[in-house]
Amino acid sequence: MEMLDLLNSLEDISAERNPRDPKKELIGSSNIDSYRKIDELKPPPYEFEKRVITFLWDNRDRYRIDKLIRFQNSSVDGAIETKNVSIPFEIKYRMNWLKACQAMWQFNQYRALSKTAFKTGIVFFHSFSADWARSPRSSPIPNGWRNWYSDHARSSETMTVHLVRLEDGRLETYKELRESQQSNAKR
């Protein structure tokens, strides 16, 4: 039997896969306190997830968030709903090449399994690690920002996933860093 015959003879079991629907937890005043409790015994990535959820909840008016949803049994961590648009998000404590690849795989899985057509997503992260934390001599901006937007942010022509750093209770984007660097260079 040739390889092609063998492959053609195998059943297509991909249609049998019936992933469980993700459990959705609507974040609200009744459950936000559980996210505010910091457990010093848990590793920092777990506590960072709580900090992101709490930050988004506390700043929902500022960012015009209508609903904040936390997923379980899903490839992404949750979704922000605003103006009838659902923006899935993933939370990573450290960001480097491996975590970037994982995050984009997770968004692609979410898109395929949930059959949700979204145009943008967000990866919240705490800090860059490995070579992504280094900066070139010509710029104080860490390599990770450029690496993300040149190699990872787009997995198709219809979906862009943005990288947002949450540090010291403040969101930071690549666009802000570039604009800040350009204004400092003009001085």
Protein backbone atom coordinates (compact mmCIF):
# COMPACT_ATOMS: atom_id res chain seq x y z
CA MET A 1 0.00 0.00 0.00
CA GLU A 2 1.34 3.41 -0.92
CA MET A 3 1.36 6.30 1.52
CA LEU A 4 -1.36 8.18 -0.35
CA ASP A 5 -3.62 5.11 -0.27
CA LEU A 6 -2.94 4.71 3.43
CA LEU A 7 -3.82 8.33 4.16
CA ASN A 8 -6.97 8.13 2.06
CA SER A 9 -8.07 4.99 3.88
CA LEU A 10 -7.90 6.60 7.32
CA GLU A 11 -11.10 7.99 8.73
CA ASP A 12 -11.40 11.71 9.03
CA ILE A 13 -11.75 12.01 12.78
CA SER A 14 -11.31 15.78 12.84
CA ALA A 15 -15.08 16.20 12.46
CA GLU A 16 -15.60 14.05 15.55
CA ARG A 17 -13.75 16.45 17.77
CA ASN A 18 -16.36 18.09 19.89
CA PRO A 19 -14.60 20.58 22.12
CA ARG A 20 -16.51 21.65 25.15
CA ASP A 21 -17.81 25.16 24.97
CA PRO A 22 -15.75 27.52 27.07
CA LYS A 23 -17.15 28.41 30.44
CA LYS A 24 -17.73 32.15 30.54
CA GLU A 25 -17.56 34.10 33.76
CA LEU A 26 -18.92 37.61 33.56
CA ILE A 27 -16.74 39.80 35.78
CA GLY A 28 -18.81 42.07 37.97
CA SER A 29 -19.14 43.57 41.42
CA SER A 30 -20.20 40.17 42.81
CA ASN A 31 -16.94 38.37 41.92
CA ILE A 32 -14.23 41.00 41.38
CA ASP A 33 -13.08 40.69 45.00
CA SER A 34 -11.87 37.14 44.34
CA TYR A 35 -9.49 38.61 41.74
CA ARG A 36 -8.27 41.30 44.14
CA LYS A 37 -7.01 38.72 46.65
CA ILE A 38 -3.32 38.13 46.06
CA ASP A 39 -1.96 34.75 47.12
CA GLU A 40 1.75 35.13 47.83
CA LEU A 41 2.21 31.36 47.47
CA LYS A 42 1.05 31.33 43.85
CA PRO A 43 3.61 31.89 41.10
CA PRO A 44 3.75 35.44 39.66
CA PRO A 45 2.04 34.53 36.35
CA TYR A 46 -1.16 33.52 38.19
CA GLU A 47 -1.18 36.69 40.23
CA PHE A 48 -0.50 38.78 37.10
CA GLU A 49 -3.65 37.36 35.51
CA LYS A 50 -5.62 38.60 38.51
CA ARG A 51 -3.97 42.03 38.23
CA VAL A 52 -4.95 42.32 34.56
CA ILE A 53 -8.58 41.39 35.26
CA THR A 54 -8.72 43.80 38.21
CA PHE A 55 -7.10 46.60 36.18
CA LEU A 56 -9.60 46.17 33.34
CA TRP A 57 -12.52 46.11 35.77
CA ASP A 58 -11.32 49.19 37.64
CA ASN A 59 -10.78 51.09 34.38
CA ARG A 60 -13.86 49.90 32.51
CA ASP A 61 -15.30 53.42 32.21
CA ARG A 62 -12.01 54.88 30.97
CA TYR A 63 -11.68 52.19 28.27
CA ARG A 64 -15.44 52.01 27.59
CA ILE A 65 -15.68 48.34 28.48
CA ASP A 66 -19.29 47.17 28.51
CA LYS A 67 -18.55 43.60 29.61
CA LEU A 68 -15.47 41.82 30.87
CA ILE A 69 -15.60 38.05 30.41
CA ARG A 70 -13.15 35.48 31.76
CA PHE A 71 -12.98 32.14 29.93
CA GLN A 72 -12.20 28.71 31.26
CA ASN A 73 -11.69 25.75 28.94
CA SER A 74 -10.71 28.05 26.09
CA SER A 75 -7.46 28.76 24.33
CA VAL A 76 -7.66 32.47 25.26
CA ASP A 77 -8.18 33.95 28.70
CA GLY A 78 -11.19 36.14 28.06
CA ALA A 79 -12.90 38.87 26.08
CA ILE A 80 -13.58 42.56 26.39
CA GLU A 81 -16.91 43.63 24.96
CA THR A 82 -17.34 47.20 23.89
CA LYS A 83 -19.72 48.79 21.39
CA ASN A 84 -21.01 45.38 20.31
CA VAL A 85 -17.47 44.26 19.50
CA SER A 86 -15.88 41.35 21.30
CA ILE A 87 -12.09 41.57 21.63
CA PRO A 88 -10.49 38.34 22.87
CA PHE A 89 -7.45 38.64 25.09
CA GLU A 90 -4.65 36.46 26.35
CA ILE A 91 -2.45 37.12 29.39
CA LYS A 92 1.25 36.27 29.45
CA TYR A 93 3.53 37.14 32.35
CA ARG A 94 6.75 37.11 30.31
CA MET A 95 6.92 37.78 26.60
CA ASN A 96 9.54 36.27 24.33
CA TRP A 97 9.62 34.34 21.07
CA LEU A 98 8.12 31.15 22.55
CA LYS A 99 5.32 32.99 24.37
CA ALA A 100 4.56 35.01 21.23
CA CYS A 101 4.23 31.81 19.19
CA GLN A 102 1.99 30.29 21.87
CA ALA A 103 -0.22 33.37 22.01
CA MET A 104 -0.78 33.49 18.27
CA TRP A 105 -1.54 29.76 18.20
CA GLN A 106 -4.06 30.32 20.98
CA PHE A 107 -5.81 33.10 19.03
CA ASN A 108 -5.91 30.97 15.90
CA GLN A 109 -7.35 28.03 17.88
CA TYR A 110 -9.95 30.26 19.49
CA ARG A 111 -10.94 31.65 16.12
CA ALA A 112 -11.23 28.20 14.54
CA LEU A 113 -13.03 26.42 17.38
CA SER A 114 -15.38 29.21 18.39
CA LYS A 115 -16.04 30.20 14.78
CA THR A 116 -15.77 33.78 15.98
CA ALA A 117 -14.76 36.31 13.37
CA PHE A 118 -12.79 38.96 15.18
CA LYS A 119 -10.45 41.51 13.63
CA THR A 120 -8.30 42.29 16.63
CA GLY A 121 -7.11 40.72 19.85
CA ILE A 122 -4.89 41.77 22.74
CA VAL A 123 -2.05 40.07 24.57
CA PHE A 124 -1.43 41.64 27.97
CA PHE A 125 2.04 40.99 29.37
CA HIS A 126 4.21 42.08 32.27
CA SER A 127 7.72 42.16 30.85
CA PHE A 128 9.95 40.95 28.06
CA SER A 129 12.49 38.22 28.71
CA ALA A 130 15.55 36.76 26.98
CA ASP A 131 16.71 38.61 23.87
CA TRP A 132 13.32 40.33 23.63
CA ALA A 133 14.24 42.41 26.72
CA ARG A 134 17.38 43.82 25.11
CA SER A 135 17.40 47.17 23.34
CA PRO A 136 19.49 48.14 20.34
CA ARG A 137 22.04 50.91 20.78
CA SER A 138 20.01 53.15 18.52
CA SER A 139 16.82 52.98 20.61
CA PRO A 140 15.75 52.53 24.23
CA ILE A 141 12.74 50.49 23.07
CA PRO A 142 13.17 46.75 23.80
CA ASN A 143 13.50 44.41 20.83
CA GLY A 144 10.35 42.57 21.86
CA TRP A 145 8.06 45.29 20.54
CA ARG A 146 9.61 45.18 17.07
CA ASN A 147 9.77 41.38 17.12
CA TRP A 148 6.07 41.13 17.96
CA TYR A 149 4.86 43.52 15.28
CA SER A 150 7.21 42.27 12.56
CA ASP A 151 6.82 38.52 13.15
CA HIS A 152 3.75 37.71 15.24
CA ALA A 153 0.96 40.31 15.29
CA ARG A 154 -0.69 39.16 12.08
CA SER A 155 -1.63 35.60 11.43
CA SER A 156 -3.81 36.49 8.48
CA GLU A 157 -4.84 39.53 6.50
CA THR A 158 -7.99 39.81 8.60
CA MET A 159 -6.69 39.52 12.17
CA THR A 160 -4.20 41.62 14.12
CA VAL A 161 -3.29 40.91 17.72
CA HIS A 162 -1.83 43.82 19.68
CA LEU A 163 0.68 43.64 22.48
CA VAL A 164 -0.01 45.70 25.61
CA ARG A 165 2.22 45.85 28.67
CA LEU A 166 0.64 46.30 32.09
CA GLU A 167 3.21 47.49 34.57
CA ASP A 168 2.79 49.52 37.75
CA GLY A 169 -0.92 49.97 37.10
CA ARG A 170 -0.38 51.52 33.66
CA LEU A 171 -0.93 50.23 30.14
CA GLU A 172 1.85 50.74 27.62
CA THR A 173 1.77 50.18 23.86
CA TYR A 174 4.42 50.16 21.16
CA LYS A 175 2.77 53.16 19.49
CA GLU A 176 3.11 55.22 22.69
CA LEU A 177 6.76 54.24 23.09
CA ARG A 178 7.58 55.14 19.48
CA GLU A 179 5.81 58.49 19.73
CA SER A 180 7.59 59.25 23.01
CA GLN A 181 10.96 58.37 21.48
CA GLN A 182 10.26 60.54 18.41
CA SER A 183 9.25 63.55 20.52
CA ASN A 184 12.37 63.15 22.68
CA ALA A 185 14.54 62.97 19.55
CA LYS A 186 13.13 66.32 18.34
CA ARG A 187 14.21 68.08 21.53
